[in-house]
């Protein structure tokens, strides 16, 4: 009767009530159910640093009796993305490596135009929620957060508390580079453009782990 948020991945959403689902949501759900069915309906949970989220769900790695990982299987099948949400990052390197191999023989999300490096210039205000985006960096500001602006209406925010994980202080060198980023997009309430302020980007993606930001060019 408990809910478990599987650590290390994020999968396409299914339709729930008025909340519209995303491409491959049903396929990803079916794949996860097949994993549990093959395990005879019994799975093991492995915990990291933080055991519950603010919704009260358990945060855990999920395994069958043989030690096979649900997260790894979903990534291999193209049914989920590798995502790290601190402080639960114990398997970031492992799952990121599995994803890199999966992309060389693409299936699922890696063959879908909605998911496979969606261009930042094509984002609209309706494109909130989890996205995997590619774009060119046009501006970088560093204050209480690192703000990486892309062509189009997207800015990536890296809060100061997460800087150490990235192991870099050369943020300005990202200007002009093409990046792939993944994370949850929200709309920005304060867009500036008042009393002489510069207009801010309307869409904000929070990035918290190095595996969620990759320089591709």
N, C-alpha and C. Protein backbone atom coordinates (compact mmCIF):
# COMPACT_ATOMS: atom_id res chain seq x y z
N UNK A 1 0.79 -1.22 0.00
CA UNK A 1 0.00 0.00 0.00
C UNK A 1 0.82 1.27 0.00
N UNK A 2 2.14 1.15 -0.04
CA UNK A 2 3.01 2.33 -0.05
C UNK A 2 3.44 2.67 -1.48
N UNK A 3 3.80 3.94 -1.68
CA UNK A 3 4.31 4.38 -2.97
C UNK A 3 5.82 4.50 -2.90
N UNK A 4 6.48 4.08 -3.98
CA UNK A 4 7.93 4.14 -4.07
C UNK A 4 8.33 4.96 -5.29
N UNK A 5 9.15 5.97 -5.06
CA UNK A 5 9.75 6.75 -6.14
C UNK A 5 11.09 6.11 -6.45
N UNK A 6 11.23 5.55 -7.65
CA UNK A 6 12.45 4.82 -8.00
C UNK A 6 13.61 5.80 -8.18
N UNK A 7 14.67 5.59 -7.43
CA UNK A 7 15.83 6.47 -7.51
C UNK A 7 16.61 6.26 -8.80
N UNK A 8 17.21 7.35 -9.28
CA UNK A 8 18.13 7.26 -10.40
C UNK A 8 17.53 7.44 -11.77
N UNK A 9 16.20 7.51 -11.87
CA UNK A 9 15.57 7.64 -13.18
C UNK A 9 14.39 8.60 -13.12
N UNK A 10 14.00 9.05 -14.30
CA UNK A 10 12.69 9.70 -14.47
C UNK A 10 12.08 9.16 -15.76
N UNK A 11 10.84 8.75 -15.68
CA UNK A 11 10.15 8.15 -16.81
C UNK A 11 9.05 9.06 -17.34
N UNK A 12 8.65 8.89 -18.60
CA UNK A 12 7.53 9.67 -19.14
C UNK A 12 6.27 9.51 -18.31
N UNK A 13 5.51 10.58 -18.19
CA UNK A 13 4.29 10.59 -17.37
C UNK A 13 3.12 9.95 -18.11
N UNK A 14 2.22 9.35 -17.34
CA UNK A 14 0.97 8.86 -17.90
C UNK A 14 -0.13 9.88 -17.60
N UNK A 15 -1.24 9.78 -18.31
CA UNK A 15 -2.37 10.67 -18.06
C UNK A 15 -3.02 10.34 -16.72
N UNK A 16 -3.16 11.35 -15.88
CA UNK A 16 -3.82 11.19 -14.58
C UNK A 16 -4.82 12.32 -14.42
N UNK A 17 -6.11 11.99 -14.42
CA UNK A 17 -7.14 13.02 -14.33
C UNK A 17 -7.03 13.99 -15.50
N UNK A 18 -6.91 15.27 -15.17
CA UNK A 18 -6.79 16.29 -16.22
C UNK A 18 -5.35 16.51 -16.66
N UNK A 19 -4.42 15.88 -15.94
CA UNK A 19 -3.01 16.02 -16.29
C UNK A 19 -2.68 15.12 -17.47
N UNK A 20 -2.32 15.75 -18.57
CA UNK A 20 -2.07 15.01 -19.80
C UNK A 20 -0.75 14.25 -19.74
N UNK A 21 -0.77 13.03 -20.24
CA UNK A 21 0.43 12.21 -20.26
C UNK A 21 1.42 12.64 -21.32
N UNK A 22 2.58 12.01 -21.30
CA UNK A 22 3.65 12.31 -22.25
C UNK A 22 3.89 11.11 -23.15
N UNK A 23 4.51 11.33 -24.32
CA UNK A 23 4.81 10.22 -25.22
C UNK A 23 5.60 9.12 -24.51
N UNK A 24 5.20 7.88 -24.72
CA UNK A 24 5.82 6.67 -24.17
C UNK A 24 5.50 6.46 -22.69
N UNK A 25 4.59 7.24 -22.13
CA UNK A 25 4.22 7.05 -20.73
C UNK A 25 3.63 5.69 -20.46
N UNK A 26 2.69 5.27 -21.29
CA UNK A 26 2.05 3.96 -21.09
C UNK A 26 3.03 2.82 -21.33
N UNK A 27 3.89 2.99 -22.33
CA UNK A 27 4.88 1.95 -22.63
C UNK A 27 5.87 1.78 -21.47
N UNK A 28 6.28 2.91 -20.88
CA UNK A 28 7.20 2.86 -19.76
C UNK A 28 6.55 2.18 -18.55
N UNK A 29 5.29 2.52 -18.29
CA UNK A 29 4.56 1.91 -17.19
C UNK A 29 4.44 0.40 -17.39
N UNK A 30 4.12 -0.01 -18.63
CA UNK A 30 3.99 -1.44 -18.92
C UNK A 30 5.32 -2.17 -18.72
N UNK A 31 6.41 -1.52 -19.10
CA UNK A 31 7.73 -2.12 -18.93
C UNK A 31 8.06 -2.32 -17.45
N UNK A 32 7.73 -1.33 -16.62
CA UNK A 32 7.98 -1.44 -15.18
C UNK A 32 7.13 -2.55 -14.56
N UNK A 33 5.87 -2.65 -15.01
CA UNK A 33 4.99 -3.69 -14.49
C UNK A 33 5.50 -5.08 -14.88
N UNK A 34 6.06 -5.20 -16.08
CA UNK A 34 6.60 -6.48 -16.52
C UNK A 34 7.79 -6.89 -15.64
N UNK A 35 8.61 -5.91 -15.25
CA UNK A 35 9.75 -6.19 -14.37
C UNK A 35 9.25 -6.78 -13.05
N UNK A 36 8.23 -6.16 -12.47
CA UNK A 36 7.69 -6.63 -11.19
C UNK A 36 7.03 -8.00 -11.37
N UNK A 37 6.34 -8.19 -12.49
CA UNK A 37 5.69 -9.49 -12.74
C UNK A 37 6.72 -10.60 -12.87
N UNK A 38 7.82 -10.33 -13.59
CA UNK A 38 8.88 -11.33 -13.74
C UNK A 38 9.52 -11.65 -12.39
N UNK A 39 9.47 -10.69 -11.47
CA UNK A 39 10.02 -10.91 -10.12
C UNK A 39 9.04 -11.63 -9.22
N UNK A 40 7.90 -12.05 -9.77
CA UNK A 40 6.90 -12.75 -8.98
C UNK A 40 6.16 -11.83 -8.03
N UNK A 41 6.18 -10.54 -8.34
CA UNK A 41 5.47 -9.57 -7.51
C UNK A 41 6.22 -9.16 -6.26
N UNK A 42 7.45 -9.67 -6.08
CA UNK A 42 8.24 -9.32 -4.90
C UNK A 42 9.53 -8.62 -5.32
N UNK A 43 9.78 -7.46 -4.76
CA UNK A 43 11.00 -6.72 -5.06
C UNK A 43 11.69 -6.32 -3.76
N UNK A 44 12.98 -5.99 -3.86
CA UNK A 44 13.74 -5.51 -2.73
C UNK A 44 14.00 -4.02 -2.91
N UNK A 45 14.04 -3.30 -1.81
CA UNK A 45 14.31 -1.86 -1.85
C UNK A 45 15.66 -1.58 -1.22
N UNK A 46 16.45 -0.74 -1.91
CA UNK A 46 17.73 -0.30 -1.38
C UNK A 46 17.71 1.20 -1.19
N UNK A 47 18.00 1.67 0.01
CA UNK A 47 17.89 3.10 0.32
C UNK A 47 19.22 3.82 0.19
N UNK A 48 19.11 5.11 -0.04
CA UNK A 48 20.26 5.99 -0.16
C UNK A 48 20.27 6.90 1.07
N UNK A 49 20.65 8.17 0.90
CA UNK A 49 20.74 9.09 2.03
C UNK A 49 19.37 9.51 2.53
N UNK A 50 18.52 9.94 1.61
CA UNK A 50 17.18 10.43 1.95
C UNK A 50 16.17 9.34 1.63
N UNK A 51 15.35 8.94 2.60
CA UNK A 51 14.47 7.79 2.42
C UNK A 51 13.05 8.14 2.00
N UNK A 52 12.61 9.37 2.25
CA UNK A 52 11.26 9.78 1.84
C UNK A 52 11.30 11.16 1.23
N UNK A 53 10.34 11.41 0.31
CA UNK A 53 10.23 12.75 -0.27
C UNK A 53 9.10 13.51 0.41
N UNK A 54 8.85 14.75 -0.05
CA UNK A 54 7.85 15.59 0.61
C UNK A 54 6.42 15.13 0.35
N UNK A 55 6.25 14.14 -0.55
CA UNK A 55 4.92 13.55 -0.76
C UNK A 55 4.70 12.35 0.16
N UNK A 56 5.73 11.97 0.92
CA UNK A 56 5.63 10.80 1.79
C UNK A 56 5.99 9.49 1.11
N UNK A 57 6.43 9.56 -0.16
CA UNK A 57 6.80 8.34 -0.87
C UNK A 57 8.17 7.85 -0.41
N UNK A 58 8.36 6.51 -0.44
CA UNK A 58 9.69 5.97 -0.22
C UNK A 58 10.57 6.30 -1.43
N UNK A 59 11.82 6.63 -1.18
CA UNK A 59 12.82 6.86 -2.23
C UNK A 59 13.79 5.69 -2.19
N UNK A 60 13.79 4.87 -3.24
CA UNK A 60 14.58 3.64 -3.16
C UNK A 60 15.01 3.14 -4.53
N UNK A 61 16.11 2.38 -4.52
CA UNK A 61 16.49 1.57 -5.67
C UNK A 61 15.70 0.28 -5.59
N UNK A 62 15.21 -0.19 -6.71
CA UNK A 62 14.32 -1.36 -6.73
C UNK A 62 15.01 -2.51 -7.47
N UNK A 63 15.03 -3.69 -6.82
CA UNK A 63 15.70 -4.87 -7.38
C UNK A 63 14.78 -6.08 -7.34
N UNK A 64 15.03 -7.02 -8.27
CA UNK A 64 14.35 -8.31 -8.16
C UNK A 64 15.21 -9.24 -7.30
N UNK A 65 14.80 -10.49 -7.16
CA UNK A 65 15.48 -11.43 -6.27
C UNK A 65 16.91 -11.73 -6.73
N UNK A 66 17.16 -11.55 -8.04
CA UNK A 66 18.49 -11.83 -8.58
C UNK A 66 19.40 -10.61 -8.51
N UNK A 67 18.88 -9.48 -8.02
CA UNK A 67 19.68 -8.28 -7.92
C UNK A 67 19.64 -7.40 -9.15
N UNK A 68 18.77 -7.73 -10.10
CA UNK A 68 18.64 -6.86 -11.27
C UNK A 68 17.91 -5.58 -10.87
N UNK A 69 18.37 -4.48 -11.42
CA UNK A 69 17.85 -3.16 -11.06
C UNK A 69 16.74 -2.71 -12.00
N UNK A 70 15.63 -2.28 -11.44
CA UNK A 70 14.54 -1.74 -12.26
C UNK A 70 15.01 -0.49 -13.01
N UNK A 71 15.74 0.40 -12.33
CA UNK A 71 16.22 1.62 -12.98
C UNK A 71 17.10 1.28 -14.17
N UNK A 72 18.04 0.36 -13.98
CA UNK A 72 18.95 -0.02 -15.07
C UNK A 72 18.19 -0.62 -16.24
N UNK A 73 17.20 -1.49 -15.94
CA UNK A 73 16.43 -2.13 -17.00
C UNK A 73 15.61 -1.11 -17.79
N UNK A 74 15.03 -0.14 -17.09
CA UNK A 74 14.23 0.88 -17.77
C UNK A 74 15.11 1.76 -18.66
N UNK A 75 16.30 2.08 -18.19
CA UNK A 75 17.22 2.89 -19.00
C UNK A 75 17.66 2.12 -20.24
N UNK A 76 18.03 0.86 -20.06
CA UNK A 76 18.48 0.04 -21.20
C UNK A 76 17.40 -0.06 -22.28
N UNK A 77 16.14 -0.13 -21.85
CA UNK A 77 15.03 -0.29 -22.79
C UNK A 77 14.58 1.04 -23.40
N UNK A 78 15.20 2.15 -23.00
CA UNK A 78 14.77 3.45 -23.50
C UNK A 78 13.45 3.89 -22.91
N UNK A 79 13.13 3.38 -21.74
CA UNK A 79 11.86 3.71 -21.09
C UNK A 79 12.01 4.71 -19.95
N UNK A 80 13.23 5.22 -19.73
CA UNK A 80 13.47 6.21 -18.69
C UNK A 80 14.81 6.89 -18.93
N UNK A 81 14.96 8.06 -18.32
CA UNK A 81 16.22 8.80 -18.34
C UNK A 81 16.94 8.62 -17.01
N UNK A 82 18.25 8.63 -17.05
CA UNK A 82 19.03 8.69 -15.82
C UNK A 82 18.92 10.09 -15.25
N UNK A 83 18.56 10.21 -13.99
CA UNK A 83 18.45 11.50 -13.32
C UNK A 83 18.87 11.34 -11.86
N UNK A 84 19.71 12.26 -11.40
CA UNK A 84 20.13 12.25 -10.00
C UNK A 84 19.52 13.45 -9.29
N UNK A 85 18.91 13.19 -8.14
CA UNK A 85 18.37 14.25 -7.29
C UNK A 85 19.09 14.16 -5.94
N UNK A 86 20.03 15.07 -5.69
CA UNK A 86 20.75 15.03 -4.40
C UNK A 86 19.78 15.08 -3.23
N UNK A 87 20.15 14.46 -2.11
CA UNK A 87 21.46 13.85 -1.82
C UNK A 87 21.57 12.39 -2.25
N UNK A 88 20.60 11.88 -2.98
CA UNK A 88 20.61 10.46 -3.36
C UNK A 88 21.32 10.25 -4.70
N UNK A 89 22.65 10.21 -4.65
CA UNK A 89 23.42 10.11 -5.89
C UNK A 89 24.37 8.94 -5.94
N UNK A 90 24.13 7.90 -5.14
CA UNK A 90 25.08 6.79 -5.03
C UNK A 90 25.30 6.06 -6.36
N UNK A 91 24.28 6.01 -7.23
CA UNK A 91 24.41 5.24 -8.47
C UNK A 91 24.47 6.13 -9.71
N UNK A 92 24.78 7.40 -9.54
CA UNK A 92 24.81 8.33 -10.67
C UNK A 92 25.76 7.87 -11.76
N UNK A 93 26.99 7.53 -11.41
CA UNK A 93 27.99 7.14 -12.41
C UNK A 93 27.59 5.87 -13.12
N UNK A 94 27.12 4.88 -12.37
CA UNK A 94 26.72 3.59 -12.95
C UNK A 94 25.57 3.74 -13.94
N UNK A 95 24.51 4.40 -13.52
CA UNK A 95 23.33 4.54 -14.37
C UNK A 95 23.60 5.45 -15.57
N UNK A 96 24.44 6.45 -15.38
CA UNK A 96 24.81 7.32 -16.50
C UNK A 96 25.57 6.54 -17.56
N UNK A 97 26.43 5.63 -17.13
CA UNK A 97 27.17 4.79 -18.06
C UNK A 97 26.25 3.85 -18.83
N UNK A 98 25.26 3.29 -18.15
CA UNK A 98 24.28 2.42 -18.81
C UNK A 98 23.50 3.21 -19.86
N UNK A 99 23.14 4.44 -19.53
CA UNK A 99 22.41 5.26 -20.49
C UNK A 99 23.26 5.57 -21.72
N UNK A 100 24.53 5.88 -21.51
CA UNK A 100 25.42 6.18 -22.64
C UNK A 100 25.47 5.02 -23.62
N UNK A 101 25.52 3.80 -23.10
CA UNK A 101 25.52 2.62 -23.97
C UNK A 101 24.18 2.44 -24.66
N UNK A 102 23.09 2.72 -23.95
CA UNK A 102 21.76 2.57 -24.53
C UNK A 102 21.55 3.52 -25.70
N UNK A 103 22.12 4.69 -25.64
CA UNK A 103 21.93 5.69 -26.71
C UNK A 103 22.64 5.28 -28.00
N UNK A 104 23.61 4.37 -27.91
CA UNK A 104 24.32 3.93 -29.10
C UNK A 104 23.48 2.95 -29.93
N UNK A 105 22.49 2.34 -29.30
CA UNK A 105 21.54 1.46 -30.00
C UNK A 105 20.14 1.93 -29.64
N UNK A 106 19.74 3.09 -30.16
CA UNK A 106 18.58 3.81 -29.63
C UNK A 106 17.25 3.10 -29.79
N UNK A 107 16.46 3.20 -28.73
CA UNK A 107 15.08 2.75 -28.74
C UNK A 107 14.32 3.62 -27.75
N UNK A 108 13.00 3.51 -27.74
CA UNK A 108 12.19 4.25 -26.79
C UNK A 108 12.38 5.76 -26.89
N UNK A 109 12.74 6.39 -25.75
CA UNK A 109 12.86 7.84 -25.71
C UNK A 109 13.93 8.36 -26.67
N UNK A 110 14.92 7.52 -26.98
CA UNK A 110 16.03 7.97 -27.84
C UNK A 110 15.66 7.95 -29.31
N UNK A 111 14.50 7.43 -29.64
CA UNK A 111 14.00 7.44 -31.02
C UNK A 111 12.76 8.31 -31.16
N UNK A 112 12.43 9.06 -30.12
CA UNK A 112 11.21 9.86 -30.10
C UNK A 112 11.57 11.34 -30.15
N UNK A 113 10.98 12.07 -31.08
CA UNK A 113 11.34 13.48 -31.29
C UNK A 113 10.99 14.36 -30.09
N UNK A 114 9.97 13.98 -29.33
CA UNK A 114 9.59 14.76 -28.16
C UNK A 114 10.68 14.70 -27.10
N UNK A 115 11.33 13.55 -27.00
CA UNK A 115 12.29 13.32 -25.93
C UNK A 115 13.74 13.50 -26.34
N UNK A 116 14.07 13.17 -27.57
CA UNK A 116 15.48 13.09 -27.95
C UNK A 116 16.07 14.46 -28.25
N UNK A 117 16.66 15.10 -27.24
CA UNK A 117 17.31 16.40 -27.38
C UNK A 117 16.39 17.42 -28.03
N UNK A 118 15.28 17.70 -27.41
CA UNK A 118 14.33 18.69 -27.91
C UNK A 118 15.03 20.05 -27.98
N UNK A 119 14.95 20.78 -29.11
CA UNK A 119 15.66 22.05 -29.23
C UNK A 119 15.09 23.14 -28.33
N UNK A 120 15.97 23.87 -27.67
CA UNK A 120 15.53 24.92 -26.75
C UNK A 120 14.73 26.01 -27.47
N UNK A 121 15.01 26.22 -28.74
CA UNK A 121 14.29 27.25 -29.50
C UNK A 121 12.85 26.89 -29.76
N UNK A 122 12.49 25.60 -29.58
CA UNK A 122 11.12 25.16 -29.85
C UNK A 122 10.26 25.09 -28.60
N UNK A 123 10.84 25.34 -27.43
CA UNK A 123 10.07 25.28 -26.18
C UNK A 123 9.03 26.40 -26.11
N UNK A 124 7.86 26.07 -25.58
CA UNK A 124 6.81 27.05 -25.36
C UNK A 124 6.42 27.02 -23.89
N UNK A 125 5.55 27.93 -23.48
CA UNK A 125 5.13 28.00 -22.09
C UNK A 125 4.37 26.76 -21.63
N UNK A 126 3.92 25.95 -22.57
CA UNK A 126 3.21 24.72 -22.21
C UNK A 126 4.18 23.55 -21.97
N UNK A 127 5.45 23.76 -22.27
CA UNK A 127 6.43 22.68 -22.15
C UNK A 127 7.04 22.61 -20.76
N UNK A 128 6.19 22.52 -19.75
CA UNK A 128 6.67 22.39 -18.38
C UNK A 128 6.78 20.90 -18.02
N UNK A 129 7.33 20.64 -16.83
CA UNK A 129 7.57 19.27 -16.44
C UNK A 129 8.95 18.81 -16.90
N UNK A 130 9.21 17.51 -16.80
CA UNK A 130 10.53 16.99 -17.14
C UNK A 130 10.76 17.04 -18.64
N UNK A 131 11.93 17.58 -19.04
CA UNK A 131 12.31 17.63 -20.46
C UNK A 131 13.80 17.36 -20.61
N UNK A 132 14.16 16.88 -21.78
CA UNK A 132 15.55 16.65 -22.18
C UNK A 132 15.80 17.59 -23.35
N UNK A 133 16.65 18.59 -23.16
CA UNK A 133 16.73 19.72 -24.08
C UNK A 133 18.17 19.93 -24.55
N UNK A 134 18.30 20.35 -25.80
CA UNK A 134 19.61 20.74 -26.35
C UNK A 134 19.51 22.18 -26.86
N UNK A 135 20.53 22.97 -26.58
CA UNK A 135 20.52 24.35 -27.07
C UNK A 135 21.87 25.03 -26.89
N UNK A 136 21.99 26.18 -27.51
CA UNK A 136 23.23 26.96 -27.44
C UNK A 136 23.12 27.99 -26.33
N UNK A 137 24.18 28.12 -25.55
CA UNK A 137 24.22 29.06 -24.43
C UNK A 137 24.50 30.46 -24.95
N UNK A 138 23.64 31.40 -24.58
CA UNK A 138 23.79 32.79 -25.04
C UNK A 138 24.30 33.72 -23.95
N UNK A 139 24.15 33.31 -22.68
CA UNK A 139 24.55 34.19 -21.59
C UNK A 139 24.71 33.36 -20.31
N UNK A 140 25.66 33.75 -19.47
CA UNK A 140 25.85 33.10 -18.17
C UNK A 140 25.99 34.17 -17.10
N UNK A 141 25.18 34.09 -16.06
CA UNK A 141 25.27 35.00 -14.92
C UNK A 141 25.55 34.16 -13.68
N UNK A 142 26.43 34.67 -12.81
CA UNK A 142 26.75 33.98 -11.57
C UNK A 142 26.52 34.94 -10.41
N UNK A 143 25.57 34.60 -9.54
CA UNK A 143 25.33 35.36 -8.31
C UNK A 143 25.01 34.36 -7.21
N UNK A 144 23.81 34.41 -6.65
CA UNK A 144 23.45 33.39 -5.66
C UNK A 144 23.18 32.04 -6.32
N UNK A 145 22.99 32.03 -7.63
CA UNK A 145 22.88 30.83 -8.45
C UNK A 145 23.66 31.06 -9.73
N UNK A 146 23.95 29.97 -10.42
CA UNK A 146 24.44 30.08 -11.80
C UNK A 146 23.22 30.04 -12.70
N UNK A 147 23.11 31.04 -13.59
CA UNK A 147 22.00 31.12 -14.54
C UNK A 147 22.57 30.96 -15.94
N UNK A 148 22.21 29.87 -16.62
CA UNK A 148 22.71 29.59 -17.97
C UNK A 148 21.57 29.79 -18.96
N UNK A 149 21.63 30.87 -19.72
CA UNK A 149 20.55 31.17 -20.67
C UNK A 149 20.81 30.52 -22.02
N UNK A 150 19.75 29.96 -22.58
CA UNK A 150 19.82 29.30 -23.88
C UNK A 150 19.12 30.14 -24.95
N UNK A 151 19.44 29.85 -26.22
CA UNK A 151 18.66 30.46 -27.29
C UNK A 151 17.24 29.94 -27.15
N UNK A 152 16.28 30.81 -27.32
CA UNK A 152 14.90 30.48 -26.98
C UNK A 152 14.57 31.08 -25.63
N UNK A 153 13.59 30.51 -24.94
CA UNK A 153 13.07 31.12 -23.71
C UNK A 153 13.39 30.31 -22.46
N UNK A 154 14.55 29.62 -22.47
CA UNK A 154 14.92 28.76 -21.35
C UNK A 154 16.17 29.25 -20.63
N UNK A 155 16.14 29.18 -19.31
CA UNK A 155 17.34 29.41 -18.50
C UNK A 155 17.47 28.25 -17.52
N UNK A 156 18.70 27.76 -17.37
CA UNK A 156 19.00 26.70 -16.40
C UNK A 156 19.54 27.34 -15.13
N UNK A 157 19.04 26.92 -13.99
CA UNK A 157 19.48 27.42 -12.70
C UNK A 157 20.21 26.32 -11.93
N UNK A 158 21.42 26.63 -11.48
CA UNK A 158 22.18 25.75 -10.59
C UNK A 158 22.41 26.51 -9.30
N UNK A 159 21.77 26.06 -8.24
CA UNK A 159 21.86 26.76 -6.97
C UNK A 159 23.24 26.56 -6.33
N UNK A 160 23.64 27.54 -5.53
CA UNK A 160 24.97 27.55 -4.94
C UNK A 160 25.25 26.29 -4.12
N UNK A 161 24.24 25.76 -3.47
CA UNK A 161 24.42 24.56 -2.65
C UNK A 161 24.87 23.36 -3.47
N UNK A 162 24.63 23.39 -4.79
CA UNK A 162 24.99 22.27 -5.65
C UNK A 162 26.26 22.50 -6.45
N UNK A 163 26.89 23.66 -6.34
CA UNK A 163 28.06 23.97 -7.15
C UNK A 163 29.19 22.96 -6.95
N UNK A 164 29.44 22.58 -5.71
CA UNK A 164 30.58 21.71 -5.40
C UNK A 164 30.53 20.41 -6.18
N UNK A 165 29.34 19.88 -6.40
CA UNK A 165 29.21 18.61 -7.12
C UNK A 165 29.71 18.71 -8.56
N UNK A 166 29.63 19.90 -9.14
CA UNK A 166 30.04 20.09 -10.54
C UNK A 166 31.56 20.25 -10.67
N UNK A 167 32.22 20.63 -9.57
CA UNK A 167 33.67 20.74 -9.58
C UNK A 167 34.22 21.73 -10.59
N UNK A 168 33.52 22.84 -10.78
CA UNK A 168 34.00 23.83 -11.74
C UNK A 168 33.67 25.24 -11.27
N UNK A 169 34.50 26.20 -11.67
CA UNK A 169 34.21 27.61 -11.42
C UNK A 169 34.36 28.43 -12.70
N UNK A 170 34.45 27.73 -13.83
CA UNK A 170 34.61 28.39 -15.13
C UNK A 170 33.28 28.46 -15.88
N UNK A 171 32.24 28.83 -15.19
CA UNK A 171 30.90 28.83 -15.78
C UNK A 171 30.81 29.71 -17.03
N UNK A 172 31.52 30.83 -17.04
CA UNK A 172 31.45 31.74 -18.19
C UNK A 172 31.94 31.09 -19.48
N UNK A 173 32.78 30.06 -19.37
CA UNK A 173 33.30 29.38 -20.56
C UNK A 173 32.21 28.58 -21.29
N UNK A 174 31.05 28.42 -20.65
CA UNK A 174 29.95 27.71 -21.30
C UNK A 174 29.26 28.57 -22.37
N UNK A 175 29.47 29.88 -22.32
CA UNK A 175 28.83 30.76 -23.30
C UNK A 175 29.28 30.39 -24.71
N UNK A 176 28.31 30.22 -25.60
CA UNK A 176 28.59 29.83 -26.97
C UNK A 176 28.63 28.34 -27.20
N UNK A 177 28.63 27.55 -26.10
CA UNK A 177 28.65 26.10 -26.22
C UNK A 177 27.24 25.56 -26.42
N UNK A 178 27.15 24.38 -27.01
CA UNK A 178 25.88 23.66 -27.11
C UNK A 178 25.83 22.63 -25.99
N UNK A 179 24.74 22.67 -25.22
CA UNK A 179 24.59 21.79 -24.07
C UNK A 179 23.35 20.91 -24.23
N UNK A 180 23.43 19.74 -23.61
CA UNK A 180 22.25 18.91 -23.37
C UNK A 180 21.96 18.99 -21.88
N UNK A 181 20.74 19.33 -21.53
CA UNK A 181 20.34 19.43 -20.12
C UNK A 181 19.05 18.67 -19.92
N UNK A 182 18.88 18.17 -18.71
CA UNK A 182 17.65 17.45 -18.37
C UNK A 182 17.20 17.88 -16.99
N UNK A 183 15.89 18.00 -16.82
CA UNK A 183 15.36 18.40 -15.54
C UNK A 183 13.92 18.87 -15.68
N UNK A 184 13.39 19.41 -14.61
CA UNK A 184 11.99 19.82 -14.57
C UNK A 184 11.88 21.31 -14.87
N UNK A 185 11.08 21.64 -15.86
CA UNK A 185 10.89 23.03 -16.29
C UNK A 185 9.65 23.61 -15.62
N UNK A 186 9.80 24.82 -15.10
CA UNK A 186 8.67 25.58 -14.56
C UNK A 186 8.63 26.93 -15.23
N UNK A 187 7.49 27.61 -15.13
CA UNK A 187 7.39 28.96 -15.67
C UNK A 187 7.80 29.96 -14.61
N UNK A 188 8.40 31.04 -15.05
CA UNK A 188 8.92 32.05 -14.14
C UNK A 188 7.88 33.13 -13.90
N UNK A 189 7.65 33.44 -12.62
CA UNK A 189 6.66 34.46 -12.30
C UNK A 189 7.21 35.87 -12.53
N UNK A 190 8.45 36.12 -12.06
CA UNK A 190 9.06 37.43 -12.23
C UNK A 190 9.87 37.43 -13.51
N UNK A 191 9.36 38.07 -14.56
CA UNK A 191 10.04 38.09 -15.85
C UNK A 191 10.81 39.39 -16.08
N UNK A 192 10.90 40.24 -15.05
CA UNK A 192 11.65 41.48 -15.19
C UNK A 192 10.96 42.44 -16.15
N UNK A 193 11.77 43.20 -16.88
CA UNK A 193 11.28 44.14 -17.88
C UNK A 193 10.44 45.27 -17.27
N UNK A 194 10.73 45.58 -16.00
CA UNK A 194 10.05 46.68 -15.34
C UNK A 194 11.10 47.61 -14.73
N UNK A 195 10.82 48.90 -14.76
CA UNK A 195 11.75 49.89 -14.21
C UNK A 195 13.16 49.72 -14.76
N UNK A 196 13.23 49.42 -16.04
CA UNK A 196 14.53 49.29 -16.69
C UNK A 196 15.21 47.95 -16.52
N UNK A 197 14.58 46.99 -15.83
CA UNK A 197 15.18 45.69 -15.64
C UNK A 197 15.23 44.91 -16.95
N UNK A 198 16.24 44.05 -17.07
CA UNK A 198 16.33 43.18 -18.23
C UNK A 198 15.25 42.12 -18.16
N UNK A 199 14.66 41.79 -19.29
CA UNK A 199 13.63 40.76 -19.32
C UNK A 199 14.29 39.39 -19.11
N UNK A 200 13.72 38.61 -18.19
CA UNK A 200 14.25 37.28 -17.91
C UNK A 200 13.55 36.25 -18.79
N UNK A 201 14.21 35.10 -18.93
CA UNK A 201 13.60 33.98 -19.66
C UNK A 201 12.37 33.49 -18.91
N UNK A 202 11.37 33.03 -19.65
CA UNK A 202 10.11 32.61 -19.04
C UNK A 202 10.14 31.20 -18.45
N UNK A 203 11.03 30.35 -18.99
CA UNK A 203 11.09 28.95 -18.57
C UNK A 203 12.38 28.70 -17.79
N UNK A 204 12.24 28.06 -16.63
CA UNK A 204 13.40 27.78 -15.77
C UNK A 204 13.51 26.27 -15.53
N UNK A 205 14.71 25.74 -15.77
CA UNK A 205 15.00 24.35 -15.46
C UNK A 205 16.04 24.30 -14.34
N UNK A 206 15.71 23.64 -13.26
CA UNK A 206 16.68 23.44 -12.19
C UNK A 206 17.53 22.22 -12.47
N UNK A 207 18.85 22.39 -12.42
CA UNK A 207 19.78 21.28 -12.63
C UNK A 207 20.61 21.12 -11.36
N UNK A 208 20.71 19.89 -10.84
CA UNK A 208 21.34 19.69 -9.53
C UNK A 208 22.52 18.74 -9.56
N UNK A 209 22.76 18.05 -10.67
CA UNK A 209 23.83 17.06 -10.72
C UNK A 209 24.59 17.14 -12.03
N UNK A 210 25.90 16.85 -12.03
CA UNK A 210 26.70 16.94 -13.25
C UNK A 210 26.18 16.10 -14.40
N UNK A 211 25.60 14.94 -14.11
CA UNK A 211 25.10 14.07 -15.18
C UNK A 211 23.90 14.67 -15.92
N UNK A 212 23.34 15.74 -15.37
CA UNK A 212 22.17 16.39 -16.01
C UNK A 212 22.57 17.55 -16.92
N UNK A 213 23.86 17.79 -17.06
CA UNK A 213 24.35 18.88 -17.91
C UNK A 213 25.58 18.39 -18.66
N UNK A 214 25.49 18.36 -19.99
CA UNK A 214 26.58 17.82 -20.80
C UNK A 214 26.90 18.78 -21.94
N UNK A 215 28.18 19.11 -22.09
CA UNK A 215 28.64 19.91 -23.22
C UNK A 215 28.80 18.99 -24.42
N UNK A 216 28.09 19.30 -25.52
CA UNK A 216 28.16 18.44 -26.72
C UNK A 216 28.89 19.10 -27.87
N UNK A 217 29.11 20.42 -27.78
CA UNK A 217 29.82 21.11 -28.87
C UNK A 217 30.38 22.43 -28.36
